C-alpha atoms as a PDB file:
ATOM      1  CA  MET A   1       0.015  -0.009  -0.012  1.00  0.00           C
ATOM      2  CA  GLY A   2       2.957   2.300   0.562  1.00  0.00           C
ATOM      3  CA  GLN A   3       3.541   2.662  -3.211  1.00  0.00           C
ATOM      4  CA  PHE A   4      -0.142   3.423  -3.759  1.00  0.00           C
ATOM      5  CA  CYS A   5      -0.114   6.172  -1.116  1.00  0.00           C
ATOM      6  CA  THR A   6       2.908   7.856  -2.711  1.00  0.00           C
ATOM      7  CA  LEU A   7       0.784   8.238  -5.920  1.00  0.00           C
ATOM      8  CA  ILE A   8      -1.873  10.207  -4.103  1.00  0.00           C
ATOM      9  CA  THR A   9      -1.134  13.915  -4.223  1.00  0.00           C
ATOM     10  CA  HIS A  10      -2.722  16.717  -2.340  1.00  0.00           C
ATOM     11  CA  PRO A  11      -3.623  19.922  -4.267  1.00  0.00           C
ATOM     12  CA  SER A  12      -1.182  21.847  -2.056  1.00  0.00           C
ATOM     13  CA  GLY A  13       1.539  19.316  -2.894  1.00  0.00           C
ATOM     14  CA  SER A  14       2.214  18.654   0.746  1.00  0.00           C
ATOM     15  CA  ILE A  15       0.589  15.672   2.388  1.00  0.00           C
ATOM     16  CA  SER A  16       2.230  13.168   4.564  1.00  0.00           C
ATOM     17  CA  HIS A  17       2.269   9.409   4.020  1.00  0.00           C
ATOM     18  CA  ALA A  18       0.236   9.026   7.248  1.00  0.00           C
ATOM     19  CA  ASP A  19      -2.374  11.516   6.085  1.00  0.00           C
ATOM     20  CA  SER A  20      -2.673   9.628   2.760  1.00  0.00           C
ATOM     21  CA  GLN A  21      -3.217   6.354   4.563  1.00  0.00           C
ATOM     22  CA  THR A  22      -5.806   7.959   6.853  1.00  0.00           C
ATOM     23  CA  GLU A  23      -7.659   9.489   3.977  1.00  0.00           C
ATOM     24  CA  LEU A  24      -7.589   6.297   1.916  1.00  0.00           C
ATOM     25  CA  THR A  25      -8.774   4.257   4.877  1.00  0.00           C
ATOM     26  CA  ALA A  26     -11.631   6.682   5.533  1.00  0.00           C
ATOM     27  CA  TYR A  27     -12.579   6.511   1.819  1.00  0.00           C
ATOM     28  CA  LEU A  28     -12.659   2.728   1.765  1.00  0.00           C
ATOM     29  CA  GLU A  29     -14.637   2.594   4.969  1.00  0.00           C
ATOM     30  CA  THR A  30     -17.187   4.934   3.441  1.00  0.00           C
ATOM     31  CA  VAL A  31     -17.600   3.329  -0.054  1.00  0.00           C
ATOM     32  CA  GLY A  32     -16.640  -0.228   0.883  1.00  0.00           C
ATOM     33  CA  SER A  33     -14.141  -2.530  -0.668  1.00  0.00           C
ATOM     34  CA  ALA A  34     -14.459  -5.348  -3.199  1.00  0.00           C
ATOM     35  CA  ASP A  35     -14.596  -7.910  -0.421  1.00  0.00           C
ATOM     36  CA  GLU A  36     -17.171  -6.033   1.624  1.00  0.00           C
ATOM     37  CA  PRO A  37     -19.272  -3.588  -0.450  1.00  0.00           C
ATOM     38  CA  TYR A  38     -20.911  -0.634   1.161  1.00  0.00           C
ATOM     39  CA  GLU A  39     -24.346  -1.883  -0.073  1.00  0.00           C
ATOM     40  CA  LYS A  40     -25.848  -4.215   2.474  1.00  0.00           C
ATOM     41  CA  PHE A  41     -27.888  -6.988   0.867  1.00  0.00           C
ATOM     42  CA  ASP A  42     -30.713  -9.040   2.311  1.00  0.00           C
ATOM     43  CA  ALA A  43     -33.467 -11.379   1.026  1.00  0.00           C
ATOM     44  CA  GLU A  44     -34.976  -8.724  -1.266  1.00  0.00           C
ATOM     45  CA  ASN A  45     -32.289  -6.107  -1.641  1.00  0.00           C
ATOM     46  CA  THR A  46     -30.002  -8.491  -3.483  1.00  0.00           C
ATOM     47  CA  ALA A  47     -26.972  -8.054  -5.681  1.00  0.00           C
ATOM     48  CA  PHE A  48     -29.199  -9.035  -8.619  1.00  0.00           C
ATOM     49  CA  ARG A  49     -31.577  -6.163  -7.858  1.00  0.00           C
ATOM     50  CA  LEU A  50     -28.674  -3.711  -7.979  1.00  0.00           C
ATOM     51  CA  THR A  51     -27.455  -5.288 -11.248  1.00  0.00           C
ATOM     52  CA  PHE A  52     -31.006  -5.218 -12.710  1.00  0.00           C
ATOM     53  CA  ALA A  53     -31.252  -1.514 -11.974  1.00  0.00           C
ATOM     54  CA  GLU A  54     -27.817  -0.811 -13.538  1.00  0.00           C
ATOM     55  CA  LEU A  55     -28.562  -2.812 -16.670  1.00  0.00           C
ATOM     56  CA  ALA A  56     -31.963  -1.113 -17.046  1.00  0.00           C
ATOM     57  CA  THR A  57     -30.218   2.230 -16.775  1.00  0.00           C
ATOM     58  CA  PHE A  58     -27.708   1.229 -19.495  1.00  0.00           C
ATOM     59  CA  ALA A  59     -30.538  -0.020 -21.655  1.00  0.00           C
ATOM     60  CA  SER A  60     -32.309   3.376 -21.325  1.00  0.00           C
ATOM     61  CA  THR A  61     -29.678   4.750 -23.725  1.00  0.00           C
ATOM     62  CA  LEU A  62     -31.893   3.256 -26.409  1.00  0.00           C
ATOM     63  CA  ASP A  63     -34.238   6.231 -25.861  1.00  0.00           C
ATOM     64  CA  THR A  64     -31.508   8.298 -27.535  1.00  0.00           C
ATOM     65  CA  LEU A  65     -30.048   5.739 -29.938  1.00  0.00           C
ATOM     66  CA  LEU A  66     -33.264   4.494 -31.546  1.00  0.00           C
ATOM     67  CA  PRO A  67     -34.456   7.880 -32.860  1.00  0.00           C
ATOM     68  CA  ARG A  68     -30.960   8.406 -34.301  1.00  0.00           C
ATOM     69  CA  ARG A  69     -31.057   4.994 -35.984  1.00  0.00           C
ATOM     70  CA  ASP A  70     -27.593   4.395 -34.550  1.00  0.00           C
ATOM     71  CA  ALA A  71     -27.368   0.667 -35.301  1.00  0.00           C
ATOM     72  CA  GLU A  72     -23.763   0.338 -34.401  1.00  0.00           C
ATOM     73  CA  HIS A  73     -24.278   1.508 -30.811  1.00  0.00           C
ATOM     74  CA  ILE A  74     -27.646  -0.174 -30.469  1.00  0.00           C
ATOM     75  CA  LEU A  75     -26.067  -3.492 -31.328  1.00  0.00           C
ATOM     76  CA  LEU A  76     -23.165  -2.882 -28.955  1.00  0.00           C
ATOM     77  CA  LEU A  77     -25.681  -2.132 -26.161  1.00  0.00           C
ATOM     78  CA  THR A  78     -28.225  -4.832 -26.802  1.00  0.00           C
ATOM     79  CA  ASP A  79     -25.692  -7.614 -27.408  1.00  0.00           C
ATOM     80  CA  THR A  80     -23.848  -6.756 -24.149  1.00  0.00           C
ATOM     81  CA  VAL A  81     -26.761  -5.859 -21.861  1.00  0.00           C
ATOM     82  CA  ALA A  82     -29.035  -8.692 -22.971  1.00  0.00           C
ATOM     83  CA  ALA A  83     -26.332 -11.225 -22.422  1.00  0.00           C
ATOM     84  CA  ASP A  84     -25.457  -9.831 -19.023  1.00  0.00           C
ATOM     85  CA  LEU A  85     -29.061  -9.707 -17.936  1.00  0.00           C
ATOM     86  CA  ALA A  86     -29.621 -13.344 -18.910  1.00  0.00           C
ATOM     87  CA  ALA A  87     -26.379 -14.405 -17.207  1.00  0.00           C
ATOM     88  CA  ASP A  88     -27.143 -12.496 -14.044  1.00  0.00           C
ATOM     89  CA  ALA A  89     -30.660 -13.911 -13.855  1.00  0.00           C
ATOM     90  CA  SER A  90     -29.130 -17.168 -12.744  1.00  0.00           C
ATOM     91  CA  THR A  91     -28.145 -15.433  -9.478  1.00  0.00           C
ATOM     92  CA  MET A  92     -31.700 -14.352  -8.586  1.00  0.00           C
ATOM     93  CA  SER A  93     -33.101 -15.494  -5.278  1.00  0.00           C
ATOM     94  CA  ASN A  94     -36.679 -15.014  -6.515  1.00  0.00           C
ATOM     95  CA  LEU A  95     -36.824 -18.161  -8.651  1.00  0.00           C
ATOM     96  CA  THR A  96     -40.420 -17.618  -9.776  1.00  0.00           C
ATOM     97  CA  ALA A  97     -39.467 -14.372 -11.529  1.00  0.00           C
ATOM     98  CA  ARG A  98     -36.358 -15.806 -13.194  1.00  0.00           C
ATOM     99  CA  PRO A  99     -38.180 -16.872 -16.434  1.00  0.00           C
ATOM    100  CA  GLU A 100     -39.527 -13.294 -16.769  1.00  0.00           C
ATOM    101  CA  VAL A 101     -36.014 -11.897 -16.633  1.00  0.00           C
ATOM    102  CA  TYR A 102     -34.850 -14.341 -19.240  1.00  0.00           C
ATOM    103  CA  ALA A 103     -37.768 -13.247 -21.465  1.00  0.00           C
ATOM    104  CA  LEU A 104     -36.803  -9.648 -20.766  1.00  0.00           C
ATOM    105  CA  ALA A 105     -33.285 -10.314 -22.010  1.00  0.00           C
ATOM    106  CA  GLU A 106     -34.753 -11.874 -25.149  1.00  0.00           C
ATOM    107  CA  ARG A 107     -36.940  -8.805 -25.640  1.00  0.00           C
ATOM    108  CA  LEU A 108     -33.873  -6.575 -25.489  1.00  0.00           C
ATOM    109  CA  ALA A 109     -32.032  -8.864 -27.895  1.00  0.00           C
ATOM    110  CA  ALA A 110     -35.004  -8.461 -30.279  1.00  0.00           C
ATOM    111  CA  VAL A 111     -34.387  -4.738 -30.310  1.00  0.00           C
ATOM    112  CA  GLY A 112     -30.863  -5.478 -31.590  1.00  0.00           C
ATOM    113  CA  ASP A 113     -32.120  -8.026 -34.089  1.00  0.00           C
ATOM    114  CA  ALA A 114     -34.591  -5.560 -35.525  1.00  0.00           C
ATOM    115  CA  ALA A 115     -31.928  -2.786 -35.717  1.00  0.00           C
ATOM    116  CA  ARG A 116     -29.622  -5.251 -37.485  1.00  0.00           C
ATOM    117  CA  ASP A 117     -32.369  -5.765 -40.047  1.00  0.00           C
ATOM    118  CA  ASP A 118     -33.051  -2.014 -40.340  1.00  0.00           C
ATOM    119  CA  ASP A 119     -36.594  -2.701 -39.090  1.00  0.00           C
ATOM    120  CA  TRP A 120     -36.871   0.385 -36.926  1.00  0.00           C
ATOM    121  CA  GLU A 121     -40.598  -0.056 -36.277  1.00  0.00           C
ATOM    122  CA  ALA A 122     -39.977  -3.481 -34.819  1.00  0.00           C
ATOM    123  CA  ALA A 123     -37.023  -2.180 -32.831  1.00  0.00           C
ATOM    124  CA  GLU A 124     -39.179   0.623 -31.328  1.00  0.00           C
ATOM    125  CA  ALA A 125     -41.989  -1.880 -30.541  1.00  0.00           C
ATOM    126  CA  SER A 126     -39.560  -4.233 -28.813  1.00  0.00           C
ATOM    127  CA  TRP A 127     -38.022  -1.435 -26.796  1.00  0.00           C
ATOM    128  CA  THR A 128     -41.444  -0.201 -25.687  1.00  0.00           C
ATOM    129  CA  ALA A 129     -42.361  -3.752 -24.671  1.00  0.00           C
ATOM    130  CA  PHE A 130     -39.068  -4.099 -22.820  1.00  0.00           C
ATOM    131  CA  LYS A 131     -39.679  -0.982 -20.782  1.00  0.00           C
ATOM    132  CA  THR A 132     -43.242  -2.039 -19.929  1.00  0.00           C
ATOM    133  CA  GLU A 133     -42.138  -5.540 -18.912  1.00  0.00           C
ATOM    134  CA  ALA A 134     -39.122  -4.189 -16.950  1.00  0.00           C
ATOM    135  CA  ASP A 135     -41.409  -1.854 -14.954  1.00  0.00           C
ATOM    136  CA  ALA A 136     -43.767  -4.738 -14.293  1.00  0.00           C
ATOM    137  CA  ILE A 137     -41.106  -7.094 -12.995  1.00  0.00           C
ATOM    138  CA  GLU A 138     -38.915  -4.570 -11.135  1.00  0.00           C
ATOM    139  CA  GLU A 139     -40.414  -5.241  -7.703  1.00  0.00           C
ATOM    140  CA  ARG A 140     -39.930  -9.044  -8.147  1.00  0.00           C
ATOM    141  CA  ALA A 141     -36.409  -8.745  -9.561  1.00  0.00           C
ATOM    142  CA  PHE A 142     -34.367  -9.942  -6.614  1.00  0.00           C
END
């Protein structure tokens, strides 16, 4: 850790090694570390719920990309987020909702498939259906 602390610089240019360690320790205690994240999970506030929210936020970029007919970035997003959503569904604790999340991932992949085929009407319809279904399942996505 000593080498890491020497890389931290204070705007004034004068900070001691001990101050750096203290500040870094305080930071890690506040935000958490990889072994013990700040977010406390329980039966319903699960790691999957956090992942689901993040992936839905990434997917919301389609609200900008679809009107622009930006197939390149749509495919990058849908190929990545749909695969991640399907893979992460296997970690859900709410097993009864798992098939709905797999179907949601397929719905997102359909947006990409339609964009690949330049079928923008189908892409928009699949995206609208994805948003509706994501809203409906959000409370059970844990």
